[in-house]
Amino acid sequence: MSTGFRASGKGVSVRLDAGEVSLLVALVSQILDLVEPGETGDDPIERALGIGSAEAPSDPVLARLFPAAYAEDDKAAGEFRRYTEATLRDGKRADAATLLETVEPGTVQLTAEQAQAWLRAINDVRLALGVRLEVTEEVHEEIAGMSEDDPRYPAFVTYDWLTYLQDTLVRALW
């Protein structure tokens, strides 16, 4: 199992085994599939400026990845979404692609820029998995009390491992 990220040279490094790489690739690929490229209108100016739909996502995971900017004002939230979501989607896809292009078994050396992309991609996976598992603040207590025979156990342990990776990456960057 990975010992987490460490500061090294001009970036960070992490040692991952083949199983961990396989898991990261599978999870990040799912995010890439879920977060389709940002859609814009047919108008050439809207396309050039990345102006898309004001409609909030109906999928709870997408709603978590792209939350309303103004919880109390649907109109303002829709306008903000219209002008930002396509670009945010493209950014999430680029972060996922960076992770997929740089992950491999053994020691992975990342530049600071690549590490930031990994941080955002891991965060997106954690958010998505957290929504699907209905994770609460008591997740660690729930895992500690969960039997290894519980069918949810592997997913919760994966969530915990991603939390650990994210924590060590943040510490290595700062």
N, C-alpha and C. Protein backbone atom coordinates (compact mmCIF):
# COMPACT_ATOMS: atom_id res chain seq x y z
N MET A 1 0.84 -1.19 0.00
CA MET A 1 0.00 0.00 0.00
C MET A 1 0.88 1.24 0.00
N SER A 2 0.44 2.24 -0.69
CA SER A 2 1.17 3.49 -0.82
C SER A 2 1.47 4.10 0.54
N THR A 3 2.64 4.72 0.62
CA THR A 3 2.98 5.45 1.84
C THR A 3 2.61 6.92 1.69
N GLY A 4 1.91 7.24 0.65
CA GLY A 4 1.46 8.60 0.44
C GLY A 4 2.46 9.45 -0.31
N PHE A 5 2.09 10.68 -0.53
CA PHE A 5 2.92 11.62 -1.27
C PHE A 5 3.99 12.21 -0.37
N ARG A 6 5.11 12.56 -1.01
CA ARG A 6 6.21 13.22 -0.32
C ARG A 6 6.75 14.33 -1.22
N ALA A 7 7.16 15.42 -0.60
CA ALA A 7 7.82 16.49 -1.36
C ALA A 7 9.14 15.94 -1.87
N SER A 8 9.47 16.25 -3.13
CA SER A 8 10.73 15.79 -3.69
C SER A 8 11.16 16.69 -4.84
N GLY A 9 12.37 17.18 -4.76
CA GLY A 9 12.89 18.02 -5.84
C GLY A 9 12.00 19.20 -6.12
N LYS A 10 11.51 19.27 -7.35
CA LYS A 10 10.68 20.40 -7.76
C LYS A 10 9.21 20.05 -7.78
N GLY A 11 8.82 19.02 -7.05
CA GLY A 11 7.42 18.60 -7.04
C GLY A 11 7.17 17.63 -5.92
N VAL A 12 6.42 16.58 -6.24
CA VAL A 12 6.09 15.56 -5.24
C VAL A 12 6.23 14.19 -5.90
N SER A 13 6.34 13.17 -5.05
CA SER A 13 6.39 11.81 -5.57
C SER A 13 5.52 10.91 -4.69
N VAL A 14 5.12 9.80 -5.29
CA VAL A 14 4.34 8.80 -4.59
C VAL A 14 4.71 7.44 -5.18
N ARG A 15 4.74 6.46 -4.34
CA ARG A 15 4.99 5.10 -4.82
C ARG A 15 3.66 4.35 -4.79
N LEU A 16 3.26 3.81 -5.95
CA LEU A 16 1.99 3.11 -6.07
C LEU A 16 2.23 1.71 -6.62
N ASP A 17 1.48 0.74 -6.09
CA ASP A 17 1.59 -0.60 -6.66
C ASP A 17 0.58 -0.73 -7.80
N ALA A 18 0.66 -1.82 -8.53
CA ALA A 18 -0.18 -2.01 -9.72
C ALA A 18 -1.67 -1.99 -9.38
N GLY A 19 -2.05 -2.54 -8.23
CA GLY A 19 -3.45 -2.54 -7.83
C GLY A 19 -3.96 -1.13 -7.56
N GLU A 20 -3.13 -0.31 -6.91
CA GLU A 20 -3.52 1.07 -6.64
C GLU A 20 -3.65 1.87 -7.93
N VAL A 21 -2.74 1.63 -8.85
CA VAL A 21 -2.81 2.31 -10.15
C VAL A 21 -4.08 1.89 -10.88
N SER A 22 -4.38 0.61 -10.88
CA SER A 22 -5.58 0.10 -11.53
C SER A 22 -6.83 0.75 -10.93
N LEU A 23 -6.88 0.86 -9.62
CA LEU A 23 -8.02 1.47 -8.95
C LEU A 23 -8.14 2.95 -9.31
N LEU A 24 -7.04 3.69 -9.27
CA LEU A 24 -7.08 5.11 -9.64
C LEU A 24 -7.52 5.29 -11.09
N VAL A 25 -6.98 4.48 -11.98
CA VAL A 25 -7.35 4.58 -13.39
C VAL A 25 -8.85 4.32 -13.56
N ALA A 26 -9.37 3.28 -12.90
CA ALA A 26 -10.79 2.95 -13.03
C ALA A 26 -11.67 4.08 -12.50
N LEU A 27 -11.34 4.60 -11.33
CA LEU A 27 -12.17 5.64 -10.72
C LEU A 27 -12.11 6.96 -11.48
N VAL A 28 -10.90 7.36 -11.87
CA VAL A 28 -10.76 8.62 -12.60
C VAL A 28 -11.38 8.50 -13.99
N SER A 29 -11.30 7.34 -14.60
CA SER A 29 -11.94 7.13 -15.90
C SER A 29 -13.45 7.27 -15.78
N GLN A 30 -14.02 6.81 -14.67
CA GLN A 30 -15.46 6.96 -14.46
C GLN A 30 -15.84 8.43 -14.36
N ILE A 31 -15.02 9.22 -13.68
CA ILE A 31 -15.27 10.66 -13.59
C ILE A 31 -15.19 11.28 -14.98
N LEU A 32 -14.20 10.88 -15.74
CA LEU A 32 -14.04 11.40 -17.10
C LEU A 32 -15.27 11.07 -17.95
N ASP A 33 -15.81 9.87 -17.79
CA ASP A 33 -17.03 9.49 -18.52
C ASP A 33 -18.24 10.29 -18.04
N LEU A 34 -18.31 10.54 -16.74
CA LEU A 34 -19.44 11.24 -16.15
C LEU A 34 -19.45 12.72 -16.51
N VAL A 35 -18.27 13.34 -16.46
CA VAL A 35 -18.16 14.77 -16.73
C VAL A 35 -17.89 14.96 -18.22
N GLU A 36 -18.96 14.97 -18.96
CA GLU A 36 -18.84 15.14 -20.41
C GLU A 36 -18.33 16.53 -20.72
N PRO A 37 -17.77 16.72 -21.92
CA PRO A 37 -17.29 18.06 -22.28
C PRO A 37 -18.39 19.09 -22.12
N GLY A 38 -18.00 20.29 -21.77
CA GLY A 38 -18.97 21.36 -21.59
C GLY A 38 -19.71 21.66 -22.88
N GLU A 39 -21.01 21.80 -22.76
CA GLU A 39 -21.84 22.11 -23.93
C GLU A 39 -22.16 23.59 -23.95
N THR A 40 -22.11 24.13 -25.13
CA THR A 40 -22.46 25.54 -25.30
C THR A 40 -23.60 25.63 -26.31
N GLY A 41 -24.10 26.83 -26.47
CA GLY A 41 -25.19 27.04 -27.43
C GLY A 41 -24.67 26.98 -28.86
N ASP A 42 -25.59 27.10 -29.81
CA ASP A 42 -25.24 27.07 -31.23
C ASP A 42 -24.63 28.38 -31.71
N ASP A 43 -24.89 29.43 -30.99
CA ASP A 43 -24.38 30.74 -31.37
C ASP A 43 -22.84 30.73 -31.33
N PRO A 44 -22.18 31.22 -32.37
CA PRO A 44 -20.70 31.20 -32.40
C PRO A 44 -20.06 31.98 -31.25
N ILE A 45 -20.70 33.05 -30.83
CA ILE A 45 -20.15 33.83 -29.72
C ILE A 45 -20.30 33.05 -28.41
N GLU A 46 -21.45 32.39 -28.22
CA GLU A 46 -21.63 31.56 -27.03
C GLU A 46 -20.59 30.44 -26.99
N ARG A 47 -20.34 29.82 -28.14
CA ARG A 47 -19.33 28.75 -28.20
C ARG A 47 -17.95 29.31 -27.86
N ALA A 48 -17.62 30.45 -28.43
CA ALA A 48 -16.29 31.05 -28.20
C ALA A 48 -16.10 31.44 -26.74
N LEU A 49 -17.16 31.86 -26.10
CA LEU A 49 -17.07 32.31 -24.70
C LEU A 49 -17.38 31.19 -23.70
N GLY A 50 -17.77 30.02 -24.19
CA GLY A 50 -18.07 28.90 -23.29
C GLY A 50 -19.37 29.07 -22.54
N ILE A 51 -20.35 29.74 -23.14
CA ILE A 51 -21.63 29.97 -22.49
C ILE A 51 -22.52 28.77 -22.75
N GLY A 52 -23.01 28.14 -21.67
CA GLY A 52 -23.81 26.93 -21.79
C GLY A 52 -25.18 27.07 -21.18
N SER A 53 -25.69 25.96 -20.70
CA SER A 53 -27.03 25.89 -20.14
C SER A 53 -27.04 26.41 -18.69
N ALA A 54 -28.18 26.98 -18.32
CA ALA A 54 -28.36 27.46 -16.95
C ALA A 54 -28.97 26.38 -16.06
N GLU A 55 -29.32 25.25 -16.66
CA GLU A 55 -30.01 24.18 -15.94
C GLU A 55 -29.05 23.40 -15.03
N ALA A 56 -29.47 23.20 -13.78
CA ALA A 56 -28.66 22.43 -12.82
C ALA A 56 -28.71 20.95 -13.18
N PRO A 57 -27.62 20.23 -12.93
CA PRO A 57 -27.62 18.79 -13.21
C PRO A 57 -28.62 18.05 -12.34
N SER A 58 -29.24 17.01 -12.91
CA SER A 58 -30.19 16.21 -12.13
C SER A 58 -29.48 15.08 -11.39
N ASP A 59 -28.33 14.63 -11.87
CA ASP A 59 -27.55 13.59 -11.21
C ASP A 59 -26.94 14.18 -9.93
N PRO A 60 -27.16 13.54 -8.78
CA PRO A 60 -26.62 14.08 -7.51
C PRO A 60 -25.09 14.22 -7.51
N VAL A 61 -24.39 13.34 -8.21
CA VAL A 61 -22.93 13.46 -8.26
C VAL A 61 -22.54 14.70 -9.05
N LEU A 62 -23.17 14.90 -10.19
CA LEU A 62 -22.86 16.10 -10.97
C LEU A 62 -23.27 17.37 -10.22
N ALA A 63 -24.36 17.30 -9.49
CA ALA A 63 -24.77 18.45 -8.68
C ALA A 63 -23.73 18.75 -7.61
N ARG A 64 -23.07 17.72 -7.10
CA ARG A 64 -22.01 17.92 -6.09
C ARG A 64 -20.74 18.45 -6.74
N LEU A 65 -20.43 17.96 -7.94
CA LEU A 65 -19.23 18.42 -8.64
C LEU A 65 -19.40 19.84 -9.19
N PHE A 66 -20.65 20.21 -9.48
CA PHE A 66 -20.95 21.54 -10.02
C PHE A 66 -22.08 22.17 -9.21
N PRO A 67 -21.80 22.52 -7.96
CA PRO A 67 -22.86 23.04 -7.09
C PRO A 67 -23.33 24.44 -7.52
N ALA A 68 -24.52 24.79 -7.07
CA ALA A 68 -25.06 26.12 -7.35
C ALA A 68 -24.21 27.16 -6.63
N ALA A 69 -23.88 28.21 -7.34
CA ALA A 69 -23.06 29.29 -6.75
C ALA A 69 -23.87 30.14 -5.78
N TYR A 70 -25.18 30.19 -6.00
CA TYR A 70 -26.06 30.99 -5.16
C TYR A 70 -27.22 30.11 -4.71
N ALA A 71 -27.10 29.53 -3.53
CA ALA A 71 -28.09 28.59 -3.04
C ALA A 71 -29.47 29.23 -2.83
N GLU A 72 -29.50 30.50 -2.53
CA GLU A 72 -30.76 31.18 -2.22
C GLU A 72 -31.39 31.88 -3.42
N ASP A 73 -30.68 31.87 -4.56
CA ASP A 73 -31.16 32.62 -5.72
C ASP A 73 -31.00 31.77 -6.97
N ASP A 74 -32.07 31.07 -7.36
CA ASP A 74 -32.02 30.16 -8.51
C ASP A 74 -31.65 30.88 -9.81
N LYS A 75 -32.15 32.08 -9.98
CA LYS A 75 -31.88 32.82 -11.22
C LYS A 75 -30.39 33.17 -11.30
N ALA A 76 -29.84 33.70 -10.24
CA ALA A 76 -28.41 34.05 -10.22
C ALA A 76 -27.55 32.80 -10.36
N ALA A 77 -27.97 31.72 -9.71
CA ALA A 77 -27.22 30.46 -9.80
C ALA A 77 -27.23 29.95 -11.24
N GLY A 78 -28.37 30.06 -11.91
CA GLY A 78 -28.47 29.62 -13.29
C GLY A 78 -27.60 30.45 -14.22
N GLU A 79 -27.61 31.75 -14.02
CA GLU A 79 -26.76 32.62 -14.85
C GLU A 79 -25.28 32.33 -14.61
N PHE A 80 -24.90 32.14 -13.35
CA PHE A 80 -23.50 31.81 -13.05
C PHE A 80 -23.13 30.48 -13.71
N ARG A 81 -23.99 29.49 -13.59
CA ARG A 81 -23.75 28.18 -14.20
C ARG A 81 -23.60 28.32 -15.71
N ARG A 82 -24.45 29.10 -16.29
CA ARG A 82 -24.45 29.28 -17.75
C ARG A 82 -23.09 29.78 -18.25
N TYR A 83 -22.48 30.66 -17.47
CA TYR A 83 -21.21 31.25 -17.90
C TYR A 83 -19.97 30.50 -17.42
N THR A 84 -20.13 29.53 -16.53
CA THR A 84 -18.94 28.88 -15.96
C THR A 84 -18.87 27.37 -16.13
N GLU A 85 -20.00 26.68 -16.22
CA GLU A 85 -19.97 25.22 -16.13
C GLU A 85 -19.20 24.56 -17.27
N ALA A 86 -19.32 25.03 -18.48
CA ALA A 86 -18.61 24.41 -19.60
C ALA A 86 -17.09 24.46 -19.36
N THR A 87 -16.61 25.58 -18.89
CA THR A 87 -15.18 25.73 -18.60
C THR A 87 -14.77 24.86 -17.42
N LEU A 88 -15.62 24.79 -16.39
CA LEU A 88 -15.33 23.94 -15.22
C LEU A 88 -15.26 22.47 -15.64
N ARG A 89 -16.18 22.05 -16.50
CA ARG A 89 -16.16 20.67 -17.00
C ARG A 89 -14.86 20.39 -17.74
N ASP A 90 -14.46 21.32 -18.58
CA ASP A 90 -13.22 21.13 -19.34
C ASP A 90 -12.02 21.03 -18.39
N GLY A 91 -12.03 21.82 -17.33
CA GLY A 91 -10.95 21.77 -16.35
C GLY A 91 -10.90 20.44 -15.62
N LYS A 92 -12.05 19.94 -15.24
CA LYS A 92 -12.11 18.64 -14.55
C LYS A 92 -11.64 17.52 -15.48
N ARG A 93 -12.00 17.61 -16.74
CA ARG A 93 -11.57 16.60 -17.71
C ARG A 93 -10.05 16.68 -17.92
N ALA A 94 -9.51 17.88 -17.96
CA ALA A 94 -8.07 18.05 -18.14
C ALA A 94 -7.31 17.49 -16.92
N ASP A 95 -7.83 17.73 -15.72
CA ASP A 95 -7.20 17.20 -14.51
C ASP A 95 -7.21 15.68 -14.52
N ALA A 96 -8.34 15.09 -14.89
CA ALA A 96 -8.44 13.63 -14.97
C ALA A 96 -7.46 13.09 -16.00
N ALA A 97 -7.37 13.75 -17.14
CA ALA A 97 -6.45 13.31 -18.20
C ALA A 97 -5.00 13.38 -17.72
N THR A 98 -4.64 14.42 -16.97
CA THR A 98 -3.28 14.53 -16.44
C THR A 98 -2.97 13.36 -15.53
N LEU A 99 -3.88 13.02 -14.64
CA LEU A 99 -3.65 11.88 -13.76
C LEU A 99 -3.49 10.60 -14.58
N LEU A 100 -4.39 10.39 -15.52
CA LEU A 100 -4.34 9.16 -16.32
C LEU A 100 -3.06 9.07 -17.15
N GLU A 101 -2.54 10.20 -17.60
CA GLU A 101 -1.32 10.22 -18.41
C GLU A 101 -0.05 10.02 -17.58
N THR A 102 -0.11 10.31 -16.30
CA THR A 102 1.11 10.28 -15.48
C THR A 102 1.16 9.15 -14.46
N VAL A 103 0.05 8.47 -14.21
CA VAL A 103 0.03 7.41 -13.20
C VAL A 103 0.65 6.14 -13.77
N GLU A 104 1.44 5.46 -12.96
CA GLU A 104 2.05 4.19 -13.34
C GLU A 104 2.54 3.48 -12.09
N PRO A 105 2.67 2.17 -12.15
CA PRO A 105 3.20 1.46 -10.98
C PRO A 105 4.64 1.89 -10.70
N GLY A 106 4.98 1.92 -9.43
CA GLY A 106 6.32 2.35 -9.02
C GLY A 106 6.27 3.77 -8.50
N THR A 107 7.39 4.45 -8.57
CA THR A 107 7.46 5.82 -8.09
C THR A 107 7.04 6.78 -9.19
N VAL A 108 6.05 7.59 -8.88
CA VAL A 108 5.53 8.59 -9.81
C VAL A 108 6.04 9.94 -9.33
N GLN A 109 6.79 10.62 -10.18
CA GLN A 109 7.31 11.96 -9.87
C GLN A 109 6.44 12.97 -10.59
N LEU A 110 5.90 13.93 -9.86
CA LEU A 110 5.00 14.93 -10.44
C LEU A 110 5.56 16.32 -10.24
N THR A 111 5.39 17.17 -11.25
CA THR A 111 5.70 18.58 -11.08
C THR A 111 4.62 19.19 -10.18
N ALA A 112 4.85 20.40 -9.73
CA ALA A 112 3.84 21.06 -8.89
C ALA A 112 2.53 21.21 -9.66
N GLU A 113 2.60 21.52 -10.94
CA GLU A 113 1.39 21.68 -11.76
C GLU A 113 0.64 20.36 -11.91
N GLN A 114 1.38 19.28 -12.18
CA GLN A 114 0.75 17.97 -12.29
C GLN A 114 0.14 17.55 -10.95
N ALA A 115 0.84 17.84 -9.87
CA ALA A 115 0.34 17.49 -8.53
C ALA A 115 -0.96 18.22 -8.23
N GLN A 116 -1.07 19.48 -8.65
CA GLN A 116 -2.32 20.22 -8.45
C GLN A 116 -3.45 19.55 -9.23
N ALA A 117 -3.17 19.10 -10.45
CA ALA A 117 -4.19 18.42 -11.25
C ALA A 117 -4.60 17.12 -10.57
N TRP A 118 -3.63 16.37 -10.04
CA TRP A 118 -3.93 15.14 -9.31
C TRP A 118 -4.82 15.46 -8.10
N LEU A 119 -4.49 16.52 -7.39
CA LEU A 119 -5.26 16.89 -6.20
C LEU A 119 -6.71 17.15 -6.57
N ARG A 120 -6.93 17.89 -7.63
CA ARG A 120 -8.30 18.18 -8.06
C ARG A 120 -9.00 16.92 -8.56
N ALA A 121 -8.29 16.06 -9.29
CA ALA A 121 -8.90 14.82 -9.80
C ALA A 121 -9.26 13.88 -8.66
N ILE A 122 -8.37 13.72 -7.68
CA ILE A 122 -8.66 12.86 -6.52
C ILE A 122 -9.84 13.44 -5.75
N ASN A 123 -9.88 14.75 -5.61
CA ASN A 123 -11.01 15.38 -4.91
C ASN A 123 -12.32 15.10 -5.64
N ASP A 124 -12.32 15.17 -6.95
CA ASP A 124 -13.54 14.88 -7.71
C ASP A 124 -13.99 13.44 -7.50
N VAL A 125 -13.05 12.51 -7.49
CA VAL A 125 -13.39 11.11 -7.24
C VAL A 125 -13.98 10.95 -5.84
N ARG A 126 -13.35 11.58 -4.85
CA ARG A 126 -13.86 11.49 -3.47
C ARG A 126 -15.27 12.08 -3.37
N LEU A 127 -15.49 13.22 -4.00
CA LEU A 127 -16.82 13.82 -3.96
C LEU A 127 -17.86 12.89 -4.58
N ALA A 128 -17.54 12.34 -5.74
CA ALA A 128 -18.48 11.44 -6.42
C ALA A 128 -18.75 10.20 -5.59
N LEU A 129 -17.70 9.58 -5.09
CA LEU A 129 -17.85 8.38 -4.28
C LEU A 129 -18.60 8.69 -2.98
N GLY A 130 -18.29 9.83 -2.40
CA GLY A 130 -18.97 10.25 -1.17
C GLY A 130 -20.47 10.40 -1.36
N VAL A 131 -20.88 10.96 -2.50
CA VAL A 131 -22.31 11.10 -2.79
C VAL A 131 -22.95 9.73 -2.95
N ARG A 132 -22.31 8.87 -3.73
CA ARG A 132 -22.88 7.54 -3.98
C ARG A 132 -22.97 6.71 -2.69
N LEU A 133 -21.98 6.88 -1.78
CA LEU A 133 -21.98 6.12 -0.52
C LEU A 133 -22.77 6.82 0.59
N GLU A 134 -23.24 8.04 0.31
CA GLU A 134 -23.93 8.86 1.31
C GLU A 134 -23.05 9.05 2.54
N VAL A 135 -21.79 9.42 2.29
CA VAL A 135 -20.81 9.62 3.36
C VAL A 135 -21.20 10.81 4.22
N THR A 136 -21.03 10.64 5.53
CA THR A 136 -21.27 11.71 6.49
C THR A 136 -19.97 11.99 7.23
N GLU A 137 -20.00 12.93 8.15
CA GLU A 137 -18.81 13.25 8.93
C GLU A 137 -18.38 12.08 9.81
N GLU A 138 -19.26 11.14 10.04
CA GLU A 138 -18.94 9.98 10.88
C GLU A 138 -18.38 8.82 10.07
N VAL A 139 -17.85 9.07 8.88
CA VAL A 139 -17.41 8.00 7.99
C VAL A 139 -16.34 7.12 8.63
N HIS A 140 -15.40 7.72 9.37
CA HIS A 140 -14.32 6.92 9.96
C HIS A 140 -14.85 5.98 11.04
N GLU A 141 -15.81 6.46 11.82
CA GLU A 141 -16.43 5.59 12.82
C GLU A 141 -17.24 4.49 12.15
N GLU A 142 -17.89 4.84 11.05
CA GLU A 142 -18.69 3.86 10.32
C GLU A 142 -17.79 2.76 9.75
N ILE A 143 -16.65 3.13 9.19
CA ILE A 143 -15.72 2.13 8.64
C ILE A 143 -15.17 1.26 9.76
N ALA A 144 -14.81 1.88 10.88
CA ALA A 144 -14.24 1.13 12.00
C ALA A 144 -15.22 0.09 12.54
N GLY A 145 -16.51 0.39 12.48
CA GLY A 145 -17.52 -0.53 12.98
C GLY A 145 -18.08 -1.47 11.93
N MET A 146 -17.59 -1.35 10.72
CA MET A 146 -18.12 -2.14 9.61
C MET A 146 -17.39 -3.47 9.49
N SER A 147 -18.13 -4.52 9.30
CA SER A 147 -17.55 -5.84 9.08
C SER A 147 -16.93 -5.89 7.68
N GLU A 148 -15.83 -6.62 7.55
CA GLU A 148 -15.22 -6.79 6.23
C GLU A 148 -16.12 -7.57 5.29
N ASP A 149 -17.13 -8.24 5.83
CA ASP A 149 -18.10 -8.97 5.02
C ASP A 149 -19.20 -8.06 4.47
N ASP A 150 -19.28 -6.84 5.00
CA ASP A 150 -20.29 -5.88 4.54
C ASP A 150 -20.00 -5.57 3.07
N PRO A 151 -20.99 -5.68 2.21
CA PRO A 151 -20.75 -5.44 0.78
C PRO A 151 -20.28 -4.00 0.48
N ARG A 152 -20.54 -3.09 1.40
CA ARG A 152 -20.10 -1.69 1.21
C ARG A 152 -18.66 -1.47 1.62
N TYR A 153 -18.09 -2.44 2.35
CA TYR A 153 -16.76 -2.27 2.95
C TYR A 153 -15.68 -1.87 1.92
N PRO A 154 -15.55 -2.55 0.78
CA PRO A 154 -14.50 -2.16 -0.17
C PRO A 154 -14.64 -0.71 -0.65
N ALA A 155 -15.86 -0.27 -0.89
CA ALA A 155 -16.07 1.10 -1.36
C ALA A 155 -15.70 2.11 -0.28
N PHE A 156 -16.07 1.82 0.98
CA PHE A 156 -15.74 2.74 2.06
C PHE A 156 -14.23 2.77 2.32
N VAL A 157 -13.58 1.62 2.23
CA VAL A 157 -12.12 1.59 2.40
C VAL A 157 -11.45 2.35 1.26
N THR A 158 -11.98 2.24 0.07
CA THR A 158 -11.45 3.00 -1.07
C THR A 158 -11.60 4.49 -0.83
N TYR A 159 -12.75 4.90 -0.32
CA TYR A 159 -12.98 6.31 0.01
C TYR A 159 -11.94 6.77 1.05
N ASP A 160 -11.71 5.95 2.05
CA ASP A 160 -10.75 6.28 3.10
C ASP A 160 -9.34 6.39 2.52
N TRP A 161 -8.96 5.47 1.63
CA TRP A 161 -7.65 5.51 0.99
C TRP A 161 -7.48 6.78 0.15
N LEU A 162 -8.52 7.15 -0.58
CA LEU A 162 -8.47 8.39 -1.37
C LEU A 162 -8.31 9.61 -0.47
N THR A 163 -8.97 9.59 0.67
CA THR A 163 -8.83 10.67 1.65
C THR A 163 -7.39 10.77 2.12
N TYR A 164 -6.78 9.61 2.41
CA TYR A 164 -5.39 9.56 2.84
C TYR A 164 -4.47 10.11 1.73
N LEU A 165 -4.68 9.67 0.50
CA LEU A 165 -3.85 10.16 -0.61
C LEU A 165 -3.98 11.67 -0.75
N GLN A 166 -5.20 12.16 -0.69
CA GLN A 166 -5.43 13.59 -0.82
C GLN A 166 -4.75 14.36 0.31
N ASP A 167 -4.86 13.86 1.52
CA ASP A 167 -4.24 14.51 2.68
C ASP A 167 -2.72 14.56 2.52
N THR A 168 -2.10 13.44 2.13
CA THR A 168 -0.64 13.44 2.00
C THR A 168 -0.19 14.33 0.84
N LEU A 169 -1.01 14.42 -0.21
CA LEU A 169 -0.67 15.28 -1.33
C LEU A 169 -0.73 16.75 -0.93
N VAL A 170 -1.75 17.12 -0.18
CA VAL A 170 -1.85 18.50 0.31
C VAL A 170 -0.63 18.82 1.18
N ARG A 171 -0.28 17.93 2.08
CA ARG A 171 0.87 18.16 2.97
C ARG A 171 2.17 18.23 2.20
N ALA A 172 2.32 17.42 1.17
CA ALA A 172 3.56 17.44 0.37
C ALA A 172 3.68 18.73 -0.44
N LEU A 173 2.55 19.27 -0.88
CA LEU A 173 2.57 20.51 -1.66
C LEU A 173 2.83 21.74 -0.80
N TRP A 174 2.41 21.69 0.47
CA TRP A 174 2.56 22.84 1.33
C TRP A 174 3.37 22.47 2.52
